[in-house]
Amino acid sequence: MFLDELTPIFKELTQQPLAFTGGLFSGVFRLSLSEDPLKSWLEKQTGSSPASTVGTNVSDNGSQGPQSISIE
C-alpha cells in the first residue's frame, strides 16, 4: 500500500544514486540549475550549459493581451 507508492523512488535511487541525491539536494534547497554557483560547476563537469533553452523567442513589444508564437 504505502510501499507501492515509494517503489519508483527507491528504483530511481538504486539505478542512479548520485543523480538522484543531487536532484533531491537541489530540490530541497531550491537551487536553480541556471544560476551560479551550480551552473558553473555543472558546466565544468559536463562541458556544456545544462539549462539552455532551444528555439525560444522572447520579444517584449509592450502590448497587452494574447501573443502569437511559432513552434517549429
N, C-alpha and C. Protein backbone atom coordinates (compact mmCIF):
# COMPACT_ATOMS: atom_id res chain seq x y z
N MET A 1 0.83 -1.18 0.00
CA MET A 1 0.00 0.00 0.00
C MET A 1 0.88 1.25 0.00
N PHE A 2 1.43 1.59 1.14
CA PHE A 2 2.30 2.76 1.21
C PHE A 2 3.61 2.50 0.48
N LEU A 3 4.10 1.27 0.55
CA LEU A 3 5.35 0.93 -0.11
C LEU A 3 5.21 0.92 -1.63
N ASP A 4 4.01 0.65 -2.13
CA ASP A 4 3.80 0.70 -3.58
C ASP A 4 4.01 2.10 -4.13
N GLU A 5 3.68 3.11 -3.35
CA GLU A 5 3.86 4.49 -3.78
C GLU A 5 5.33 4.90 -3.73
N LEU A 6 6.11 4.29 -2.86
CA LEU A 6 7.52 4.65 -2.72
C LEU A 6 8.43 3.82 -3.62
N THR A 7 7.91 2.79 -4.26
CA THR A 7 8.72 1.92 -5.10
C THR A 7 9.43 2.66 -6.23
N PRO A 8 8.78 3.57 -6.98
CA PRO A 8 9.51 4.31 -8.03
C PRO A 8 10.67 5.15 -7.48
N ILE A 9 10.51 5.69 -6.30
CA ILE A 9 11.57 6.50 -5.70
C ILE A 9 12.78 5.62 -5.39
N PHE A 10 12.53 4.47 -4.78
CA PHE A 10 13.64 3.57 -4.46
C PHE A 10 14.28 2.99 -5.70
N LYS A 11 13.49 2.78 -6.75
CA LYS A 11 14.03 2.26 -8.00
C LYS A 11 15.00 3.27 -8.63
N GLU A 12 14.61 4.55 -8.67
CA GLU A 12 15.49 5.59 -9.20
C GLU A 12 16.74 5.75 -8.34
N LEU A 13 16.57 5.64 -7.03
CA LEU A 13 17.70 5.78 -6.12
C LEU A 13 18.72 4.68 -6.35
N THR A 14 18.27 3.47 -6.60
CA THR A 14 19.22 2.37 -6.79
C THR A 14 19.82 2.38 -8.19
N GLN A 15 19.12 2.92 -9.19
CA GLN A 15 19.67 2.94 -10.55
C GLN A 15 20.72 4.02 -10.73
N GLN A 16 20.45 5.21 -10.23
CA GLN A 16 21.38 6.33 -10.38
C GLN A 16 21.44 7.11 -9.06
N PRO A 17 22.21 6.59 -8.10
CA PRO A 17 22.19 7.21 -6.76
C PRO A 17 22.76 8.63 -6.72
N LEU A 18 23.80 8.90 -7.48
CA LEU A 18 24.40 10.24 -7.45
C LEU A 18 23.48 11.28 -8.08
N ALA A 19 22.88 10.95 -9.21
CA ALA A 19 21.96 11.89 -9.86
C ALA A 19 20.71 12.11 -9.01
N PHE A 20 20.22 11.03 -8.38
CA PHE A 20 19.03 11.14 -7.55
C PHE A 20 19.29 12.03 -6.34
N THR A 21 20.40 11.80 -5.64
CA THR A 21 20.68 12.61 -4.46
C THR A 21 21.01 14.05 -4.83
N GLY A 22 21.64 14.26 -5.98
CA GLY A 22 21.88 15.62 -6.44
C GLY A 22 20.60 16.36 -6.75
N GLY A 23 19.68 15.68 -7.41
CA GLY A 23 18.38 16.29 -7.70
C GLY A 23 17.57 16.54 -6.45
N LEU A 24 17.63 15.60 -5.52
CA LEU A 24 16.93 15.78 -4.25
C LEU A 24 17.51 16.96 -3.47
N PHE A 25 18.84 17.05 -3.43
CA PHE A 25 19.51 18.14 -2.73
C PHE A 25 19.15 19.49 -3.34
N SER A 26 19.18 19.58 -4.68
CA SER A 26 18.87 20.86 -5.32
C SER A 26 17.39 21.22 -5.17
N GLY A 27 16.53 20.22 -5.09
CA GLY A 27 15.11 20.49 -4.87
C GLY A 27 14.82 20.95 -3.46
N VAL A 28 15.48 20.32 -2.48
CA VAL A 28 15.24 20.69 -1.08
C VAL A 28 15.72 22.11 -0.81
N PHE A 29 16.88 22.46 -1.36
CA PHE A 29 17.42 23.79 -1.13
C PHE A 29 17.02 24.79 -2.20
N ARG A 30 16.11 24.38 -3.08
CA ARG A 30 15.56 25.24 -4.14
C ARG A 30 16.65 25.91 -4.97
N LEU A 31 17.62 25.10 -5.40
CA LEU A 31 18.70 25.60 -6.23
C LEU A 31 18.28 25.55 -7.69
N SER A 32 18.61 26.57 -8.42
CA SER A 32 18.29 26.63 -9.84
C SER A 32 19.52 26.22 -10.63
N LEU A 33 19.33 25.35 -11.61
CA LEU A 33 20.44 24.90 -12.43
C LEU A 33 20.98 25.98 -13.35
N SER A 34 20.24 27.06 -13.52
CA SER A 34 20.67 28.13 -14.42
C SER A 34 21.33 29.29 -13.69
N GLU A 35 21.57 29.15 -12.37
CA GLU A 35 22.21 30.22 -11.60
C GLU A 35 23.52 29.71 -11.01
N ASP A 36 24.47 30.64 -10.84
CA ASP A 36 25.74 30.29 -10.21
C ASP A 36 25.52 30.06 -8.73
N PRO A 37 26.29 29.27 -8.05
CA PRO A 37 27.48 28.54 -8.44
C PRO A 37 27.18 27.18 -9.06
N LEU A 38 25.95 26.74 -9.02
CA LEU A 38 25.61 25.42 -9.55
C LEU A 38 25.80 25.35 -11.05
N LYS A 39 25.48 26.42 -11.75
CA LYS A 39 25.63 26.45 -13.21
C LYS A 39 27.09 26.30 -13.62
N SER A 40 27.96 27.05 -12.97
CA SER A 40 29.38 26.96 -13.34
C SER A 40 29.97 25.60 -12.99
N TRP A 41 29.53 25.01 -11.88
CA TRP A 41 30.02 23.68 -11.52
C TRP A 41 29.56 22.63 -12.53
N LEU A 42 28.29 22.71 -12.95
CA LEU A 42 27.78 21.77 -13.95
C LEU A 42 28.47 21.94 -15.29
N GLU A 43 28.79 23.17 -15.66
CA GLU A 43 29.50 23.42 -16.91
C GLU A 43 30.89 22.82 -16.87
N LYS A 44 31.55 22.88 -15.72
CA LYS A 44 32.87 22.27 -15.59
C LYS A 44 32.78 20.75 -15.68
N GLN A 45 31.73 20.18 -15.11
CA GLN A 45 31.58 18.73 -15.09
C GLN A 45 31.21 18.17 -16.46
N THR A 46 30.30 18.83 -17.15
CA THR A 46 29.78 18.30 -18.41
C THR A 46 30.38 18.96 -19.64
N GLY A 47 30.87 20.16 -19.50
CA GLY A 47 31.43 20.87 -20.64
C GLY A 47 30.39 21.61 -21.46
N SER A 48 29.15 21.67 -20.98
CA SER A 48 28.11 22.41 -21.69
C SER A 48 27.13 23.00 -20.68
N SER A 49 26.31 23.90 -21.15
CA SER A 49 25.32 24.55 -20.31
C SER A 49 24.13 23.62 -20.10
N PRO A 50 23.72 23.34 -18.84
CA PRO A 50 22.65 22.39 -18.59
C PRO A 50 21.26 22.94 -18.85
N ALA A 51 21.05 24.21 -18.65
CA ALA A 51 19.71 24.77 -18.74
C ALA A 51 19.60 25.70 -19.94
N SER A 52 19.87 25.19 -21.12
CA SER A 52 19.75 26.03 -22.30
C SER A 52 18.36 25.87 -22.90
N THR A 53 17.83 26.97 -23.37
CA THR A 53 16.52 26.92 -24.00
C THR A 53 16.71 26.91 -25.50
N VAL A 54 16.02 26.02 -26.16
CA VAL A 54 16.16 25.86 -27.60
C VAL A 54 14.93 26.43 -28.28
N GLY A 55 15.15 27.34 -29.23
CA GLY A 55 14.06 27.87 -30.02
C GLY A 55 13.13 28.80 -29.28
N THR A 56 13.63 29.51 -28.30
CA THR A 56 12.78 30.42 -27.55
C THR A 56 12.96 31.83 -28.07
N ASN A 57 11.88 32.42 -28.52
CA ASN A 57 11.91 33.80 -28.97
C ASN A 57 11.13 34.63 -27.97
N VAL A 58 11.83 35.53 -27.30
CA VAL A 58 11.19 36.40 -26.33
C VAL A 58 11.27 37.82 -26.87
N SER A 59 10.11 38.39 -27.10
CA SER A 59 10.07 39.77 -27.56
C SER A 59 9.05 40.52 -26.73
N ASP A 60 9.48 41.62 -26.16
CA ASP A 60 8.61 42.43 -25.34
C ASP A 60 8.24 43.67 -26.15
N ASN A 61 7.08 43.58 -26.79
CA ASN A 61 6.65 44.71 -27.61
C ASN A 61 5.74 45.65 -26.83
N GLY A 62 5.55 45.41 -25.55
CA GLY A 62 4.77 46.32 -24.73
C GLY A 62 3.28 46.17 -24.88
N SER A 63 2.81 45.24 -25.68
CA SER A 63 1.37 45.09 -25.87
C SER A 63 0.78 44.17 -24.82
N GLN A 64 -0.46 44.39 -24.52
CA GLN A 64 -1.18 43.55 -23.58
C GLN A 64 -2.06 42.58 -24.36
N GLY A 65 -2.36 41.45 -23.76
CA GLY A 65 -3.25 40.51 -24.41
C GLY A 65 -2.51 39.33 -25.01
N PRO A 66 -3.21 38.53 -25.78
CA PRO A 66 -2.62 37.32 -26.36
C PRO A 66 -1.50 37.64 -27.34
N GLN A 67 -0.53 36.77 -27.36
CA GLN A 67 0.57 36.91 -28.30
C GLN A 67 0.69 35.61 -29.08
N SER A 68 1.14 35.72 -30.30
CA SER A 68 1.29 34.51 -31.13
C SER A 68 2.71 33.99 -31.00
N ILE A 69 2.82 32.67 -31.04
CA ILE A 69 4.13 32.03 -31.01
C ILE A 69 4.21 31.06 -32.17
N SER A 70 5.42 30.77 -32.60
CA SER A 70 5.58 29.77 -33.66
C SER A 70 6.40 28.63 -33.12
N ILE A 71 5.92 27.42 -33.35
CA ILE A 71 6.61 26.21 -32.90
C ILE A 71 7.06 25.46 -34.13
N GLU A 72 8.37 25.23 -34.20
CA GLU A 72 8.92 24.55 -35.35
C GLU A 72 9.07 23.08 -35.10
